[in-house]
Protein backbone atom coordinates (compact mmCIF):
# COMPACT_ATOMS: atom_id res chain seq x y z
CA MET A 1 69.15 90.43 128.67
CA ALA A 2 69.40 91.16 124.95
CA ASP A 3 67.63 94.20 123.53
CA LYS A 4 64.93 92.97 121.16
CA SER A 5 65.09 96.20 119.17
CA ALA A 6 68.82 95.85 118.50
CA PHE A 7 69.89 95.89 114.89
CA SER A 8 72.35 93.56 113.20
CA VAL A 9 74.77 94.81 110.57
CA ILE A 10 75.39 92.96 107.33
CA ILE A 11 78.28 94.15 105.17
CA SER A 12 77.89 93.42 101.46
CA SER A 13 80.72 91.74 99.58
CA ARG A 14 81.20 95.01 97.65
CA ALA A 15 81.64 96.94 100.90
CA GLN A 16 83.95 94.25 102.31
CA LYS A 17 86.10 94.48 99.20
CA GLY A 18 86.22 98.28 99.50
CA ILE A 19 87.30 98.07 103.13
CA ALA A 20 90.02 95.50 102.37
CA GLU A 21 91.40 97.45 99.40
CA SER A 22 91.40 100.73 101.31
CA TRP A 23 93.05 99.10 104.32
CA GLY A 24 95.80 97.82 102.04
CA TRP A 25 96.27 101.20 100.38
CA TYR A 26 96.63 102.99 103.72
CA GLU A 27 98.84 100.27 105.17
CA ASP A 28 101.18 100.53 102.14
CA ARG A 29 101.58 104.25 102.83
CA LEU A 30 102.28 103.95 106.53
CA ALA A 31 102.38 100.90 108.79
CA GLY A 32 99.44 101.05 111.18
CA LEU A 33 97.43 103.55 109.13
CA GLY A 34 95.34 100.75 107.64
CA ASP A 35 94.49 99.62 111.15
CA ARG A 36 93.48 103.17 112.11
CA PHE A 37 91.23 103.22 109.04
CA LEU A 38 89.67 99.88 110.00
CA ASN A 39 89.10 101.04 113.59
CA GLU A 40 87.29 104.16 112.33
CA ILE A 41 85.10 101.97 110.09
CA LEU A 42 84.29 99.64 113.00
CA ASP A 43 83.54 102.58 115.30
CA ARG A 44 81.14 104.09 112.77
CA LEU A 45 79.47 100.71 112.19
CA HIS A 46 78.92 100.38 115.92
CA GLN A 47 77.33 103.84 116.02
CA ILE A 48 75.06 102.91 113.12
CA GLU A 49 74.09 99.66 114.85
CA LEU A 50 73.12 101.51 118.03
CA ASN A 51 71.20 104.28 116.26
CA PRO A 52 70.58 103.55 112.55
CA ASP A 53 68.46 106.67 112.01
CA ARG A 54 71.21 108.98 113.25
CA PHE A 55 72.53 109.70 109.77
CA PRO A 56 70.60 111.39 106.96
CA THR A 57 68.83 109.68 104.10
CA ARG A 58 70.40 111.00 100.91
CA PHE A 59 68.94 108.96 98.07
CA LYS A 60 65.78 106.87 98.15
CA SER A 61 66.21 104.85 101.35
CA TYR A 62 70.02 104.96 101.44
CA LYS A 63 71.71 106.64 104.37
CA GLU A 64 75.24 108.03 104.43
CA ALA A 65 77.52 108.01 107.45
CA PRO A 66 80.86 109.82 107.16
CA VAL A 67 83.93 108.05 108.50
CA ASN A 68 85.97 110.13 110.95
CA THR A 69 89.45 111.19 109.75
CA PHE A 70 89.20 109.38 106.40
CA PRO A 71 87.41 110.58 103.22
CA PHE A 72 84.83 107.78 103.12
CA LEU A 73 81.09 107.34 103.51
CA LEU A 74 79.34 104.21 104.68
CA ILE A 75 76.25 103.81 102.49
CA TYR A 76 73.57 101.69 104.13
CA ARG A 77 69.89 100.77 104.24
CA ILE A 78 67.72 99.86 107.19
CA SER A 79 65.18 97.05 107.33
CA LYS A 80 63.15 97.73 110.45
CA LYS A 81 61.00 94.64 109.87
CA SER A 82 63.96 92.31 110.25
CA ASN A 83 66.14 94.66 112.39
CA LEU A 84 68.90 94.58 109.78
CA ILE A 85 71.28 97.22 108.56
CA ARG A 86 72.86 96.42 105.21
CA VAL A 87 76.04 98.31 104.36
CA VAL A 88 76.09 98.36 100.58
CA SER A 89 79.17 100.48 99.94
CA VAL A 90 82.24 102.04 101.50
CA PHE A 91 82.53 105.04 99.20
CA HIS A 92 85.59 107.27 98.78
CA THR A 93 84.36 110.85 98.58
CA SER A 94 86.66 111.78 95.68
CA ARG A 95 84.91 109.28 93.38
CA ASN A 96 82.07 110.11 91.05
CA PRO A 97 79.01 110.60 93.30
CA LYS A 98 76.76 109.00 90.68
CA LYS A 99 78.41 105.65 91.53
CA LYS A 100 77.55 105.75 95.26
CA TYR A 101 74.44 103.60 95.02
CA ARG A 102 75.39 101.17 92.27
C-alpha cells in the first residue's frame, strides 16, 4: 500500500543541467568519479523525499541539503499541499552564495 503522505521530487531543468555538467567534470578527471557523484546526489534526493524537513531552511522557504563527499548543496522547496519537493539548484559551495537562489 502506498503512503499517502509520500512526497514526489521534481528536479528543475537548471538543477538537471548542473548535475549533468558536474557529472561530466568529475568523469573527465577520473573514470567512475562522475558516477560516484551521481550516486551521492541520488542518495541525498532519496533522503529528502523520505523526510523533506530534515534539512534547515536557509533563505525564505528554501532548504539546503549538503551532498556527502562532494562540495555541493541541493537547494529545494517543499509544497506540502501537493506533496511535492522541487529541487531548484545543485549549487557548488565555492560559487558566490548570492547566486544560490536565482
